[in-house]
């Protein structure tokens, strides 16, 4: 009976974590689709307003695109934080449940510590990348891989190398496990 409860608790923990990752993935895909449609709307708006002076409309489009990009990064962060909060709440419930075995509670506590450490690393890396001169960045760490999204039109090989160096130093991940993408302004 005791072994059965323990197995159920561990399976529940694994299921909760898997659900959190699926939700995170679906949010990211939804954000990418929203970004494309918002970008198309911006282009349509700029064509409709072609009678305005070219410098004014180009400044407005640039500001709108920058706002859109900033909004995307804010959305990424918000979604990541919501998913982490849900995972942490579920793990905290396991830790606080008196009916859960001590082994399962210990495992949940380890997962809480791991999620907290991952969150701290991501925040530190985002700030270090911004300190390198980039307008914004988001870092997602999962299973010994780091995905970095930088707000930039283009990334030179030198810029990619700088970002990889910072991420590798902070995480200890090999360069093959660090993926860097840019998001256009």
C-alpha atoms as a PDB file:
ATOM      1  CA  UNK A   1       0.000   0.000   0.000  1.00  0.00           C
ATOM      2  CA  UNK A   2       2.802   2.396   0.952  1.00  0.00           C
ATOM      3  CA  UNK A   3       4.664   1.665  -2.296  1.00  0.00           C
ATOM      4  CA  UNK A   4       1.507   2.278  -4.313  1.00  0.00           C
ATOM      5  CA  UNK A   5       0.959   5.729  -2.735  1.00  0.00           C
ATOM      6  CA  UNK A   6       4.575   6.638  -3.323  1.00  0.00           C
ATOM      7  CA  UNK A   7       4.364   5.604  -6.966  1.00  0.00           C
ATOM      8  CA  UNK A   8       1.186   7.610  -7.448  1.00  0.00           C
ATOM      9  CA  UNK A   9       2.755  10.683  -5.848  1.00  0.00           C
ATOM     10  CA  UNK A  10       5.865  10.450  -8.041  1.00  0.00           C
ATOM     11  CA  UNK A  11       3.769   9.892 -11.156  1.00  0.00           C
ATOM     12  CA  UNK A  12       1.662  12.925 -10.237  1.00  0.00           C
ATOM     13  CA  UNK A  13       4.782  15.039  -9.810  1.00  0.00           C
ATOM     14  CA  UNK A  14       6.149  13.973 -13.188  1.00  0.00           C
ATOM     15  CA  UNK A  15       2.764  14.608 -14.799  1.00  0.00           C
ATOM     16  CA  UNK A  16       2.545  18.118 -13.333  1.00  0.00           C
ATOM     17  CA  UNK A  17       5.984  18.999 -14.631  1.00  0.00           C
ATOM     18  CA  UNK A  18       5.151  17.592 -18.068  1.00  0.00           C
ATOM     19  CA  UNK A  19       1.933  19.614 -18.159  1.00  0.00           C
ATOM     20  CA  UNK A  20       3.860  22.766 -17.260  1.00  0.00           C
ATOM     21  CA  UNK A  21       6.236  22.206 -20.168  1.00  0.00           C
ATOM     22  CA  UNK A  22       3.370  21.543 -22.595  1.00  0.00           C
ATOM     23  CA  UNK A  23       1.626  24.729 -21.482  1.00  0.00           C
ATOM     24  CA  UNK A  24       4.880  26.659 -21.855  1.00  0.00           C
ATOM     25  CA  UNK A  25       5.361  25.287 -25.373  1.00  0.00           C
ATOM     26  CA  UNK A  26       1.809  26.142 -26.410  1.00  0.00           C
ATOM     27  CA  UNK A  27       2.142  29.674 -25.017  1.00  0.00           C
ATOM     28  CA  UNK A  28       5.349  30.198 -26.978  1.00  0.00           C
ATOM     29  CA  UNK A  29       3.747  29.032 -30.215  1.00  0.00           C
ATOM     30  CA  UNK A  30       0.754  31.281 -29.546  1.00  0.00           C
ATOM     31  CA  UNK A  31       3.056  34.245 -28.985  1.00  0.00           C
ATOM     32  CA  UNK A  32       4.875  33.592 -32.253  1.00  0.00           C
ATOM     33  CA  UNK A  33       1.557  33.464 -34.150  1.00  0.00           C
ATOM     34  CA  UNK A  34       0.351  36.654 -32.445  1.00  0.00           C
ATOM     35  CA  UNK A  35       3.609  38.388 -33.289  1.00  0.00           C
ATOM     36  CA  UNK A  36       3.220  37.497 -36.968  1.00  0.00           C
ATOM     37  CA  UNK A  37      -0.352  38.757 -37.116  1.00  0.00           C
ATOM     38  CA  UNK A  38       0.541  41.950 -35.221  1.00  0.00           C
ATOM     39  CA  UNK A  39       3.469  42.512 -37.554  1.00  0.00           C
ATOM     40  CA  UNK A  40       1.164  42.081 -40.554  1.00  0.00           C
ATOM     41  CA  UNK A  41      -1.275  44.563 -39.003  1.00  0.00           C
ATOM     42  CA  UNK A  42       1.550  47.060 -38.562  1.00  0.00           C
ATOM     43  CA  UNK A  43       2.525  46.682 -42.217  1.00  0.00           C
ATOM     44  CA  UNK A  44      -1.107  47.139 -43.313  1.00  0.00           C
ATOM     45  CA  UNK A  45      -1.454  50.236 -41.163  1.00  0.00           C
ATOM     46  CA  UNK A  46       1.699  51.752 -42.634  1.00  0.00           C
ATOM     47  CA  UNK A  47       0.433  51.132 -46.202  1.00  0.00           C
ATOM     48  CA  UNK A  48      -2.945  52.721 -45.381  1.00  0.00           C
ATOM     49  CA  UNK A  49      -1.216  55.799 -44.021  1.00  0.00           C
ATOM     50  CA  UNK A  50       1.137  56.215 -46.975  1.00  0.00           C
ATOM     51  CA  UNK A  51      -0.114  59.769 -47.556  1.00  0.00           C
ATOM     52  CA  UNK A  52       1.580  60.923 -44.330  1.00  0.00           C
ATOM     53  CA  UNK A  53       5.116  62.235 -44.595  1.00  0.00           C
ATOM     54  CA  UNK A  54       7.661  59.441 -45.015  1.00  0.00           C
ATOM     55  CA  UNK A  55       9.815  60.420 -42.036  1.00  0.00           C
ATOM     56  CA  UNK A  56       6.868  60.656 -39.659  1.00  0.00           C
ATOM     57  CA  UNK A  57       5.363  57.341 -40.745  1.00  0.00           C
ATOM     58  CA  UNK A  58       8.706  55.600 -40.607  1.00  0.00           C
ATOM     59  CA  UNK A  59       9.311  56.893 -37.086  1.00  0.00           C
ATOM     60  CA  UNK A  60       5.865  55.735 -36.009  1.00  0.00           C
ATOM     61  CA  UNK A  61       6.366  52.325 -37.590  1.00  0.00           C
ATOM     62  CA  UNK A  62       9.745  51.995 -35.909  1.00  0.00           C
ATOM     63  CA  UNK A  63       8.232  52.938 -32.546  1.00  0.00           C
ATOM     64  CA  UNK A  64       5.338  50.529 -33.049  1.00  0.00           C
ATOM     65  CA  UNK A  65       7.665  47.708 -34.059  1.00  0.00           C
ATOM     66  CA  UNK A  66       9.900  48.381 -31.061  1.00  0.00           C
ATOM     67  CA  UNK A  67       6.836  48.387 -28.812  1.00  0.00           C
ATOM     68  CA  UNK A  68       5.705  45.113 -30.389  1.00  0.00           C
ATOM     69  CA  UNK A  69       9.126  43.554 -29.823  1.00  0.00           C
ATOM     70  CA  UNK A  70       9.209  44.779 -26.233  1.00  0.00           C
ATOM     71  CA  UNK A  71       5.710  43.402 -25.807  1.00  0.00           C
ATOM     72  CA  UNK A  72       6.818  40.013 -27.100  1.00  0.00           C
ATOM     73  CA  UNK A  73       9.681  39.856 -24.641  1.00  0.00           C
ATOM     74  CA  UNK A  74       7.351  40.914 -21.832  1.00  0.00           C
ATOM     75  CA  UNK A  75       4.894  38.210 -22.910  1.00  0.00           C
ATOM     76  CA  UNK A  76       7.637  35.579 -22.944  1.00  0.00           C
ATOM     77  CA  UNK A  77       8.675  36.586 -19.436  1.00  0.00           C
ATOM     78  CA  UNK A  78       5.119  36.699 -18.163  1.00  0.00           C
ATOM     79  CA  UNK A  79       4.289  33.272 -19.594  1.00  0.00           C
ATOM     80  CA  UNK A  80       7.496  31.811 -18.188  1.00  0.00           C
ATOM     81  CA  UNK A  81       6.749  33.282 -14.766  1.00  0.00           C
ATOM     82  CA  UNK A  82       3.159  32.004 -14.799  1.00  0.00           C
ATOM     83  CA  UNK A  83       4.295  28.489 -15.725  1.00  0.00           C
ATOM     84  CA  UNK A  84       7.009  28.520 -13.064  1.00  0.00           C
ATOM     85  CA  UNK A  85       4.564  29.765 -10.451  1.00  0.00           C
ATOM     86  CA  UNK A  86       2.150  26.967 -11.285  1.00  0.00           C
ATOM     87  CA  UNK A  87       4.909  24.381 -11.091  1.00  0.00           C
ATOM     88  CA  UNK A  88       6.180  25.787  -7.805  1.00  0.00           C
ATOM     89  CA  UNK A  89       2.666  25.833  -6.329  1.00  0.00           C
ATOM     90  CA  UNK A  90       2.101  22.205  -7.316  1.00  0.00           C
ATOM     91  CA  UNK A  91       5.443  21.176  -5.862  1.00  0.00           C
ATOM     92  CA  UNK A  92       4.777  23.174  -2.693  1.00  0.00           C
ATOM     93  CA  UNK A  93       1.457  21.361  -2.270  1.00  0.00           C
ATOM     94  CA  UNK A  94       3.307  18.047  -2.446  1.00  0.00           C
ATOM     95  CA  UNK A  95       5.831  19.243   0.144  1.00  0.00           C
ATOM     96  CA  UNK A  96       3.088  20.484   2.487  1.00  0.00           C
ATOM     97  CA  UNK A  97       0.868  17.405   2.122  1.00  0.00           C
ATOM     98  CA  UNK A  98       1.245  15.273   5.255  1.00  0.00           C
ATOM     99  CA  UNK A  99      -0.046  12.200   3.396  1.00  0.00           C
ATOM    100  CA  UNK A 100       2.842  12.323   0.934  1.00  0.00           C
ATOM    101  CA  UNK A 101       5.832  10.116   1.689  1.00  0.00           C
ATOM    102  CA  UNK A 102       8.996  11.764   2.951  1.00  0.00           C
ATOM    103  CA  UNK A 103      10.901  10.600  -0.131  1.00  0.00           C
ATOM    104  CA  UNK A 104       8.390  12.258  -2.465  1.00  0.00           C
ATOM    105  CA  UNK A 105       8.445  15.445  -0.396  1.00  0.00           C
ATOM    106  CA  UNK A 106      12.236  15.489  -0.537  1.00  0.00           C
ATOM    107  CA  UNK A 107      12.138  15.064  -4.317  1.00  0.00           C
ATOM    108  CA  UNK A 108       9.594  17.878  -4.636  1.00  0.00           C
ATOM    109  CA  UNK A 109      11.790  20.088  -2.451  1.00  0.00           C
ATOM    110  CA  UNK A 110      14.759  19.370  -4.740  1.00  0.00           C
ATOM    111  CA  UNK A 111      12.644  20.336  -7.753  1.00  0.00           C
ATOM    112  CA  UNK A 112      11.659  23.603  -6.044  1.00  0.00           C
ATOM    113  CA  UNK A 113      15.306  24.421  -5.416  1.00  0.00           C
ATOM    114  CA  UNK A 114      16.202  23.516  -9.009  1.00  0.00           C
ATOM    115  CA  UNK A 115      13.433  25.726 -10.442  1.00  0.00           C
ATOM    116  CA  UNK A 116      14.491  28.620  -8.217  1.00  0.00           C
ATOM    117  CA  UNK A 117      18.135  28.270  -9.254  1.00  0.00           C
ATOM    118  CA  UNK A 118      17.139  28.068 -12.921  1.00  0.00           C
ATOM    119  CA  UNK A 119      15.039  31.203 -12.575  1.00  0.00           C
ATOM    120  CA  UNK A 120      17.930  33.076 -10.967  1.00  0.00           C
ATOM    121  CA  UNK A 121      20.341  31.980 -13.713  1.00  0.00           C
ATOM    122  CA  UNK A 122      17.922  33.114 -16.409  1.00  0.00           C
ATOM    123  CA  UNK A 123      17.490  36.545 -14.826  1.00  0.00           C
ATOM    124  CA  UNK A 124      21.237  37.007 -14.361  1.00  0.00           C
ATOM    125  CA  UNK A 125      21.915  35.970 -17.960  1.00  0.00           C
ATOM    126  CA  UNK A 126      19.241  38.304 -19.317  1.00  0.00           C
ATOM    127  CA  UNK A 127      20.803  41.224 -17.453  1.00  0.00           C
ATOM    128  CA  UNK A 128      24.331  40.289 -18.551  1.00  0.00           C
ATOM    129  CA  UNK A 129      23.230  40.091 -22.191  1.00  0.00           C
ATOM    130  CA  UNK A 130      21.539  43.494 -21.910  1.00  0.00           C
ATOM    131  CA  UNK A 131      24.771  44.823 -20.403  1.00  0.00           C
ATOM    132  CA  UNK A 132      26.533  43.697 -23.596  1.00  0.00           C
ATOM    133  CA  UNK A 133      24.511  46.340 -25.447  1.00  0.00           C
ATOM    134  CA  UNK A 134      21.401  44.480 -26.548  1.00  0.00           C
ATOM    135  CA  UNK A 135      18.024  46.125 -26.087  1.00  0.00           C
ATOM    136  CA  UNK A 136      16.360  43.053 -24.570  1.00  0.00           C
ATOM    137  CA  UNK A 137      16.878  39.322 -24.178  1.00  0.00           C
ATOM    138  CA  UNK A 138      15.093  36.319 -22.781  1.00  0.00           C
ATOM    139  CA  UNK A 139      16.786  33.129 -21.630  1.00  0.00           C
ATOM    140  CA  UNK A 140      15.053  29.778 -21.219  1.00  0.00           C
ATOM    141  CA  UNK A 141      17.045  27.039 -19.484  1.00  0.00           C
ATOM    142  CA  UNK A 142      15.823  23.449 -19.580  1.00  0.00           C
ATOM    143  CA  UNK A 143      17.570  20.069 -19.328  1.00  0.00           C
ATOM    144  CA  UNK A 144      21.140  21.315 -19.810  1.00  0.00           C
ATOM    145  CA  UNK A 145      20.223  23.502 -22.775  1.00  0.00           C
ATOM    146  CA  UNK A 146      19.838  27.254 -22.956  1.00  0.00           C
ATOM    147  CA  UNK A 147      17.719  29.048 -25.533  1.00  0.00           C
ATOM    148  CA  UNK A 148      18.474  32.746 -25.865  1.00  0.00           C
ATOM    149  CA  UNK A 149      16.287  35.171 -27.792  1.00  0.00           C
ATOM    150  CA  UNK A 150      17.874  38.574 -28.349  1.00  0.00           C
ATOM    151  CA  UNK A 151      16.096  41.682 -29.570  1.00  0.00           C
ATOM    152  CA  UNK A 152      18.157  42.599 -32.631  1.00  0.00           C
ATOM    153  CA  UNK A 153      17.705  42.864 -36.385  1.00  0.00           C
ATOM    154  CA  UNK A 154      20.812  40.799 -37.019  1.00  0.00           C
ATOM    155  CA  UNK A 155      23.458  39.087 -34.942  1.00  0.00           C
ATOM    156  CA  UNK A 156      27.055  39.034 -36.089  1.00  0.00           C
ATOM    157  CA  UNK A 157      29.255  36.032 -35.395  1.00  0.00           C
ATOM    158  CA  UNK A 158      31.113  38.134 -32.828  1.00  0.00           C
ATOM    159  CA  UNK A 159      27.873  38.997 -31.007  1.00  0.00           C
ATOM    160  CA  UNK A 160      26.777  35.353 -31.023  1.00  0.00           C
ATOM    161  CA  UNK A 161      30.176  34.349 -29.625  1.00  0.00           C
ATOM    162  CA  UNK A 162      29.892  36.947 -26.837  1.00  0.00           C
ATOM    163  CA  UNK A 163      26.443  35.703 -25.869  1.00  0.00           C
ATOM    164  CA  UNK A 164      27.529  32.063 -25.975  1.00  0.00           C
ATOM    165  CA  UNK A 165      30.539  32.886 -23.810  1.00  0.00           C
ATOM    166  CA  UNK A 166      28.405  34.593 -21.160  1.00  0.00           C
ATOM    167  CA  UNK A 167      25.841  31.771 -21.118  1.00  0.00           C
ATOM    168  CA  UNK A 168      28.502  29.069 -21.030  1.00  0.00           C
ATOM    169  CA  UNK A 169      30.340  30.745 -18.150  1.00  0.00           C
ATOM    170  CA  UNK A 170      27.182  31.135 -16.066  1.00  0.00           C
ATOM    171  CA  UNK A 171      25.665  27.711 -16.760  1.00  0.00           C
ATOM    172  CA  UNK A 172      28.625  25.490 -17.552  1.00  0.00           C
ATOM    173  CA  UNK A 173      26.816  24.256 -20.674  1.00  0.00           C
ATOM    174  CA  UNK A 174      28.865  23.351 -23.748  1.00  0.00           C
ATOM    175  CA  UNK A 175      28.421  25.663 -26.748  1.00  0.00           C
ATOM    176  CA  UNK A 176      26.454  22.966 -28.597  1.00  0.00           C
ATOM    177  CA  UNK A 177      23.745  23.224 -25.922  1.00  0.00           C
ATOM    178  CA  UNK A 178      23.319  26.984 -26.306  1.00  0.00           C
ATOM    179  CA  UNK A 179      20.908  28.156 -29.006  1.00  0.00           C
ATOM    180  CA  UNK A 180      20.786  31.846 -29.877  1.00  0.00           C
ATOM    181  CA  UNK A 181      18.049  33.481 -31.925  1.00  0.00           C
ATOM    182  CA  UNK A 182      17.280  37.060 -32.779  1.00  0.00           C
ATOM    183  CA  UNK A 183      13.932  38.760 -32.865  1.00  0.00           C
ATOM    184  CA  UNK A 184      13.714  41.615 -35.341  1.00  0.00           C
ATOM    185  CA  UNK A 185      12.917  45.131 -34.222  1.00  0.00           C
END
